[in-house]
Amino acid sequence: MPLTFFIAAGIAFGFSAFIGMNSLAAGFRTLTSGVLVISTFGLICLILSII
């Protein structure tokens, strides 16, 4: 299933990519707790959609 088929999966992937790029750029400390919570729920959504 493509990621664009389910809009929530695309948003979750975007948040995960944002956190990944900030971590690589050594900006992990600048992330707010809200972004981390939304990304965590997004990753759970992605994992459950695969299963």
N, C-alpha and C. Protein backbone atom coordinates (compact mmCIF):
# COMPACT_ATOMS: atom_id res chain seq x y z
N MET A 1 0.84 -1.17 0.00
CA MET A 1 0.00 0.00 0.00
C MET A 1 0.89 1.24 0.00
N PRO A 2 0.67 2.16 -0.92
CA PRO A 2 1.49 3.37 -0.93
C PRO A 2 1.17 4.27 0.26
N LEU A 3 2.15 5.06 0.66
CA LEU A 3 1.94 5.93 1.82
C LEU A 3 0.92 7.03 1.55
N THR A 4 0.70 7.39 0.30
CA THR A 4 -0.25 8.45 -0.01
C THR A 4 -1.69 7.95 0.00
N PHE A 5 -1.91 6.66 0.10
CA PHE A 5 -3.26 6.12 0.11
C PHE A 5 -3.96 6.46 1.42
N PHE A 6 -3.23 6.50 2.50
CA PHE A 6 -3.76 6.77 3.82
C PHE A 6 -3.10 8.06 4.31
N ILE A 7 -3.87 9.15 4.39
CA ILE A 7 -3.29 10.47 4.66
C ILE A 7 -2.59 10.51 6.02
N ALA A 8 -3.12 9.80 7.01
CA ALA A 8 -2.48 9.80 8.33
C ALA A 8 -1.11 9.15 8.27
N ALA A 9 -0.94 8.16 7.42
CA ALA A 9 0.37 7.51 7.29
C ALA A 9 1.38 8.48 6.68
N GLY A 10 0.95 9.30 5.73
CA GLY A 10 1.84 10.28 5.14
C GLY A 10 2.27 11.34 6.14
N ILE A 11 1.34 11.79 6.97
CA ILE A 11 1.66 12.77 8.00
C ILE A 11 2.59 12.16 9.03
N ALA A 12 2.32 10.93 9.43
CA ALA A 12 3.17 10.25 10.41
C ALA A 12 4.58 10.06 9.86
N PHE A 13 4.69 9.70 8.59
CA PHE A 13 6.00 9.55 7.97
C PHE A 13 6.73 10.89 7.93
N GLY A 14 6.00 11.96 7.69
CA GLY A 14 6.60 13.29 7.66
C GLY A 14 7.16 13.70 9.02
N PHE A 15 6.41 13.44 10.08
CA PHE A 15 6.90 13.75 11.42
C PHE A 15 8.12 12.90 11.76
N SER A 16 8.10 11.64 11.37
CA SER A 16 9.24 10.76 11.64
C SER A 16 10.48 11.22 10.87
N ALA A 17 10.28 11.63 9.63
CA ALA A 17 11.39 12.13 8.84
C ALA A 17 11.94 13.43 9.41
N PHE A 18 11.06 14.27 9.92
CA PHE A 18 11.48 15.54 10.53
C PHE A 18 12.35 15.28 11.76
N ILE A 19 11.94 14.34 12.59
CA ILE A 19 12.72 14.01 13.78
C ILE A 19 14.04 13.35 13.38
N GLY A 20 14.00 12.48 12.38
CA GLY A 20 15.23 11.85 11.92
C GLY A 20 16.24 12.84 11.38
N MET A 21 15.76 13.81 10.61
CA MET A 21 16.68 14.81 10.06
C MET A 21 17.21 15.74 11.14
N ASN A 22 16.37 16.08 12.11
CA ASN A 22 16.86 16.91 13.21
C ASN A 22 17.89 16.15 14.05
N SER A 23 17.71 14.87 14.21
CA SER A 23 18.67 14.08 14.98
C SER A 23 20.01 14.01 14.25
N LEU A 24 19.96 13.87 12.94
CA LEU A 24 21.20 13.83 12.17
C LEU A 24 21.91 15.18 12.16
N ALA A 25 21.15 16.24 12.26
CA ALA A 25 21.73 17.58 12.25
C ALA A 25 22.08 18.06 13.65
N ALA A 26 22.06 17.17 14.62
CA ALA A 26 22.39 17.46 16.02
C ALA A 26 21.45 18.50 16.62
N GLY A 27 20.21 18.49 16.19
CA GLY A 27 19.23 19.42 16.74
C GLY A 27 18.15 18.72 17.53
N PHE A 28 18.45 17.54 18.05
CA PHE A 28 17.44 16.76 18.76
C PHE A 28 16.94 17.49 20.00
N ARG A 29 17.79 18.28 20.62
CA ARG A 29 17.39 18.99 21.85
C ARG A 29 16.41 20.12 21.57
N THR A 30 16.33 20.55 20.33
CA THR A 30 15.42 21.65 20.00
C THR A 30 14.01 21.17 19.73
N LEU A 31 13.79 19.86 19.66
CA LEU A 31 12.46 19.33 19.41
C LEU A 31 11.59 19.48 20.65
N THR A 32 10.34 19.86 20.44
CA THR A 32 9.43 20.00 21.56
C THR A 32 8.81 18.66 21.91
N SER A 33 8.24 18.60 23.09
CA SER A 33 7.62 17.35 23.52
C SER A 33 6.40 17.01 22.68
N GLY A 34 5.71 18.03 22.17
CA GLY A 34 4.55 17.79 21.32
C GLY A 34 4.91 17.08 20.03
N VAL A 35 6.02 17.48 19.43
CA VAL A 35 6.47 16.83 18.20
C VAL A 35 6.85 15.38 18.48
N LEU A 36 7.49 15.13 19.60
CA LEU A 36 7.87 13.77 19.94
C LEU A 36 6.65 12.89 20.20
N VAL A 37 5.64 13.44 20.87
CA VAL A 37 4.42 12.66 21.14
C VAL A 37 3.68 12.35 19.85
N ILE A 38 3.53 13.36 18.99
CA ILE A 38 2.84 13.14 17.72
C ILE A 38 3.59 12.13 16.87
N SER A 39 4.90 12.20 16.86
CA SER A 39 5.70 11.26 16.09
C SER A 39 5.59 9.85 16.65
N THR A 40 5.54 9.73 17.97
CA THR A 40 5.39 8.40 18.58
C THR A 40 4.06 7.77 18.19
N PHE A 41 2.98 8.55 18.28
CA PHE A 41 1.69 8.02 17.86
C PHE A 41 1.66 7.73 16.36
N GLY A 42 2.35 8.53 15.59
CA GLY A 42 2.43 8.29 14.16
C GLY A 42 3.16 7.00 13.83
N LEU A 43 4.26 6.74 14.54
CA LEU A 43 4.98 5.48 14.33
C LEU A 43 4.13 4.28 14.72
N ILE A 44 3.36 4.42 15.79
CA ILE A 44 2.46 3.34 16.18
C ILE A 44 1.42 3.10 15.09
N CYS A 45 0.91 4.19 14.52
CA CYS A 45 -0.06 4.07 13.43
C CYS A 45 0.55 3.38 12.22
N LEU A 46 1.79 3.74 11.88
CA LEU A 46 2.46 3.10 10.74
C LEU A 46 2.70 1.62 10.99
N ILE A 47 3.12 1.28 12.19
CA ILE A 47 3.38 -0.12 12.51
C ILE A 47 2.10 -0.94 12.47
N LEU A 48 1.03 -0.37 13.02
CA LEU A 48 -0.25 -1.10 13.01
C LEU A 48 -0.85 -1.23 11.61
N SER A 49 -0.58 -0.26 10.74
CA SER A 49 -1.10 -0.37 9.38
C SER A 49 -0.34 -1.43 8.58
N ILE A 50 0.90 -1.73 8.96
CA ILE A 50 1.68 -2.76 8.27
C ILE A 50 1.19 -4.14 8.69
N ILE A 51 0.85 -4.26 9.96
CA ILE A 51 0.41 -5.58 10.49
C ILE A 51 -0.92 -5.94 10.00
